[in-house]
Amino acid sequence: MAKKFAFDHPSTEQLKQENVVLKGVVARTDILWDRGYESEMVLRMGFNPISLERMDITYDDYLSEQNIAVYDSTLA
């Protein structure tokens, strides 16, 4: 779901190329609200993640996962 938000929602292609997806672990006490069907969490302000890592995925990787072809105008 995080990949979808990172790469489907921005309004410009430039932003999509610059986005990153982070994976983190937080204490249960830092979670204020959980919308389970999207795995969306609202965290307490000032929370301190137990671990945080940048996922190694680009916009082009995401498109490949979704079987979406990227139009390259230089090939036209």
N, C-alpha and C. Protein backbone atom coordinates (compact mmCIF):
# COMPACT_ATOMS: atom_id res chain seq x y z
N MET A 1 0.83 -1.18 0.00
CA MET A 1 0.00 0.00 0.00
C MET A 1 0.88 1.26 0.00
N ALA A 2 1.98 1.23 0.73
CA ALA A 2 2.87 2.41 0.76
C ALA A 2 3.42 2.71 -0.62
N LYS A 3 3.73 1.67 -1.38
CA LYS A 3 4.24 1.88 -2.75
C LYS A 3 3.18 2.57 -3.60
N LYS A 4 1.93 2.15 -3.46
CA LYS A 4 0.84 2.75 -4.23
C LYS A 4 0.71 4.24 -3.89
N PHE A 5 0.76 4.59 -2.60
CA PHE A 5 0.67 5.99 -2.22
C PHE A 5 1.87 6.77 -2.73
N ALA A 6 3.05 6.18 -2.67
CA ALA A 6 4.26 6.89 -3.08
C ALA A 6 4.30 7.15 -4.58
N PHE A 7 3.82 6.20 -5.36
CA PHE A 7 4.01 6.29 -6.81
C PHE A 7 2.74 6.54 -7.62
N ASP A 8 1.57 6.41 -7.05
CA ASP A 8 0.34 6.66 -7.79
C ASP A 8 -0.30 8.01 -7.48
N HIS A 9 -0.08 8.57 -6.31
CA HIS A 9 -0.81 9.76 -5.90
C HIS A 9 -0.19 11.10 -6.27
N PRO A 10 1.13 11.24 -6.36
CA PRO A 10 1.67 12.56 -6.71
C PRO A 10 1.17 13.01 -8.08
N SER A 11 1.09 14.31 -8.27
CA SER A 11 0.47 14.84 -9.48
C SER A 11 1.44 15.01 -10.64
N THR A 12 2.74 14.92 -10.41
CA THR A 12 3.68 15.09 -11.52
C THR A 12 4.64 13.91 -11.61
N GLU A 13 5.10 13.64 -12.81
CA GLU A 13 6.06 12.55 -13.01
C GLU A 13 7.36 12.82 -12.26
N GLN A 14 7.78 14.10 -12.21
CA GLN A 14 9.02 14.43 -11.53
C GLN A 14 8.96 14.01 -10.07
N LEU A 15 7.85 14.29 -9.39
CA LEU A 15 7.73 13.91 -7.99
C LEU A 15 7.78 12.39 -7.83
N LYS A 16 7.14 11.68 -8.74
CA LYS A 16 7.12 10.22 -8.65
C LYS A 16 8.54 9.66 -8.71
N GLN A 17 9.39 10.25 -9.53
CA GLN A 17 10.77 9.77 -9.66
C GLN A 17 11.59 10.03 -8.39
N GLU A 18 11.19 11.01 -7.59
CA GLU A 18 11.96 11.39 -6.40
C GLU A 18 11.45 10.74 -5.12
N ASN A 19 10.29 10.11 -5.15
CA ASN A 19 9.69 9.56 -3.93
C ASN A 19 10.43 8.32 -3.45
N VAL A 20 10.36 8.11 -2.14
CA VAL A 20 10.94 6.93 -1.52
C VAL A 20 9.89 6.29 -0.62
N VAL A 21 10.08 5.01 -0.35
CA VAL A 21 9.21 4.27 0.56
C VAL A 21 10.05 3.87 1.75
N LEU A 22 9.54 4.17 2.95
CA LEU A 22 10.25 3.82 4.18
C LEU A 22 9.51 2.72 4.91
N LYS A 23 10.26 1.85 5.56
CA LYS A 23 9.69 0.79 6.37
C LYS A 23 10.19 1.00 7.80
N GLY A 24 9.25 1.10 8.73
CA GLY A 24 9.66 1.37 10.09
C GLY A 24 8.93 0.50 11.10
N VAL A 25 9.54 0.38 12.24
CA VAL A 25 8.94 -0.32 13.38
C VAL A 25 8.83 0.71 14.49
N VAL A 26 7.62 0.81 15.07
CA VAL A 26 7.40 1.75 16.17
C VAL A 26 6.78 1.01 17.34
N ALA A 27 6.86 1.62 18.50
CA ALA A 27 6.24 1.04 19.69
C ALA A 27 4.71 1.14 19.55
N ARG A 28 4.02 0.15 20.03
CA ARG A 28 2.56 0.14 19.96
C ARG A 28 1.97 1.39 20.64
N THR A 29 2.63 1.87 21.66
CA THR A 29 2.13 3.05 22.38
C THR A 29 2.26 4.33 21.54
N ASP A 30 3.04 4.30 20.46
CA ASP A 30 3.16 5.46 19.57
C ASP A 30 2.07 5.50 18.52
N ILE A 31 1.28 4.44 18.37
CA ILE A 31 0.21 4.39 17.37
C ILE A 31 -1.07 4.96 17.99
N LEU A 32 -1.54 6.06 17.41
CA LEU A 32 -2.76 6.70 17.91
C LEU A 32 -4.01 6.18 17.21
N TRP A 33 -3.86 5.80 15.95
CA TRP A 33 -5.01 5.40 15.14
C TRP A 33 -4.54 4.42 14.08
N ASP A 34 -5.33 3.39 13.83
CA ASP A 34 -4.97 2.35 12.87
C ASP A 34 -6.16 2.07 11.96
N ARG A 35 -5.98 2.31 10.66
CA ARG A 35 -7.01 1.95 9.70
C ARG A 35 -6.50 0.67 9.03
N GLY A 36 -6.88 -0.45 9.60
CA GLY A 36 -6.33 -1.74 9.25
C GLY A 36 -6.40 -2.14 7.79
N TYR A 37 -7.48 -1.77 7.09
CA TYR A 37 -7.61 -2.26 5.72
C TYR A 37 -6.58 -1.63 4.77
N GLU A 38 -5.98 -0.52 5.13
CA GLU A 38 -4.92 0.07 4.32
C GLU A 38 -3.58 0.02 5.04
N SER A 39 -3.54 -0.55 6.20
CA SER A 39 -2.33 -0.56 7.03
C SER A 39 -1.83 0.86 7.27
N GLU A 40 -2.76 1.80 7.36
CA GLU A 40 -2.42 3.20 7.59
C GLU A 40 -2.43 3.48 9.09
N MET A 41 -1.37 4.12 9.56
CA MET A 41 -1.25 4.42 10.98
C MET A 41 -1.04 5.92 11.18
N VAL A 42 -1.64 6.45 12.22
CA VAL A 42 -1.34 7.81 12.66
C VAL A 42 -0.51 7.66 13.92
N LEU A 43 0.66 8.31 13.90
CA LEU A 43 1.60 8.14 15.01
C LEU A 43 1.63 9.37 15.90
N ARG A 44 1.97 9.13 17.15
CA ARG A 44 2.10 10.19 18.15
C ARG A 44 3.19 11.16 17.69
N MET A 45 2.91 12.46 17.82
CA MET A 45 3.88 13.47 17.46
C MET A 45 5.15 13.28 18.29
N GLY A 46 6.29 13.35 17.65
CA GLY A 46 7.56 13.20 18.35
C GLY A 46 7.94 11.75 18.59
N PHE A 47 7.26 10.80 17.93
CA PHE A 47 7.59 9.39 18.12
C PHE A 47 9.03 9.12 17.69
N ASN A 48 9.60 8.06 18.24
CA ASN A 48 10.96 7.67 17.90
C ASN A 48 10.92 6.24 17.37
N PRO A 49 11.16 6.03 16.07
CA PRO A 49 11.07 4.67 15.53
C PRO A 49 12.11 3.74 16.16
N ILE A 50 11.70 2.50 16.34
CA ILE A 50 12.62 1.48 16.83
C ILE A 50 13.61 1.14 15.73
N SER A 51 13.11 1.06 14.49
CA SER A 51 13.98 0.89 13.33
C SER A 51 13.33 1.59 12.14
N LEU A 52 14.16 2.00 11.20
CA LEU A 52 13.68 2.70 10.02
C LEU A 52 14.64 2.39 8.88
N GLU A 53 14.08 1.97 7.75
CA GLU A 53 14.93 1.69 6.60
C GLU A 53 14.26 2.17 5.32
N ARG A 54 15.08 2.56 4.38
CA ARG A 54 14.60 2.99 3.07
C ARG A 54 14.48 1.74 2.20
N MET A 55 13.30 1.55 1.62
CA MET A 55 13.08 0.41 0.74
C MET A 55 13.75 0.69 -0.60
N ASP A 56 14.38 -0.31 -1.15
CA ASP A 56 15.11 -0.14 -2.41
C ASP A 56 14.17 -0.36 -3.58
N ILE A 57 13.33 0.64 -3.89
CA ILE A 57 12.41 0.55 -5.01
C ILE A 57 12.30 1.93 -5.66
N THR A 58 12.35 1.94 -6.98
CA THR A 58 12.20 3.17 -7.74
C THR A 58 10.82 3.18 -8.39
N TYR A 59 10.48 4.30 -8.98
CA TYR A 59 9.21 4.41 -9.71
C TYR A 59 9.17 3.39 -10.84
N ASP A 60 10.26 3.25 -11.57
CA ASP A 60 10.30 2.27 -12.66
C ASP A 60 10.14 0.84 -12.14
N ASP A 61 10.74 0.53 -10.98
CA ASP A 61 10.55 -0.79 -10.37
C ASP A 61 9.07 -1.01 -10.05
N TYR A 62 8.43 0.01 -9.50
CA TYR A 62 7.01 -0.08 -9.16
C TYR A 62 6.18 -0.36 -10.40
N LEU A 63 6.46 0.37 -11.48
CA LEU A 63 5.71 0.14 -12.73
C LEU A 63 5.91 -1.28 -13.24
N SER A 64 7.14 -1.79 -13.13
CA SER A 64 7.42 -3.16 -13.56
C SER A 64 6.63 -4.17 -12.73
N GLU A 65 6.55 -3.93 -11.41
CA GLU A 65 5.77 -4.81 -10.53
C GLU A 65 4.30 -4.83 -10.94
N GLN A 66 3.81 -3.67 -11.40
CA GLN A 66 2.41 -3.56 -11.77
C GLN A 66 2.17 -3.94 -13.23
N ASN A 67 3.24 -4.34 -13.94
CA ASN A 67 3.18 -4.65 -15.37
C ASN A 67 2.65 -3.48 -16.18
N ILE A 68 3.16 -2.29 -15.86
CA ILE A 68 2.79 -1.06 -16.56
C ILE A 68 3.98 -0.63 -17.40
N ALA A 69 3.77 -0.46 -18.68
CA ALA A 69 4.85 -0.03 -19.57
C ALA A 69 5.04 1.47 -19.44
N VAL A 70 6.29 1.89 -19.49
CA VAL A 70 6.61 3.31 -19.44
C VAL A 70 6.77 3.80 -20.87
N TYR A 71 6.03 4.85 -21.23
CA TYR A 71 6.12 5.43 -22.57
C TYR A 71 7.39 6.25 -22.68
N ASP A 72 8.21 5.94 -23.65
CA ASP A 72 9.46 6.68 -23.87
C ASP A 72 9.32 7.43 -25.19
N SER A 73 9.16 8.76 -25.12
CA SER A 73 8.93 9.55 -26.33
C SER A 73 10.15 9.58 -27.24
N THR A 74 11.32 9.23 -26.71
CA THR A 74 12.52 9.22 -27.57
C THR A 74 12.50 8.05 -28.53
N LEU A 75 11.65 7.07 -28.29
CA LEU A 75 11.55 5.91 -29.19
C LEU A 75 10.49 6.10 -30.27
N ALA A 76 9.70 7.16 -30.17
CA ALA A 76 8.60 7.40 -31.12
C ALA A 76 9.11 7.93 -32.44
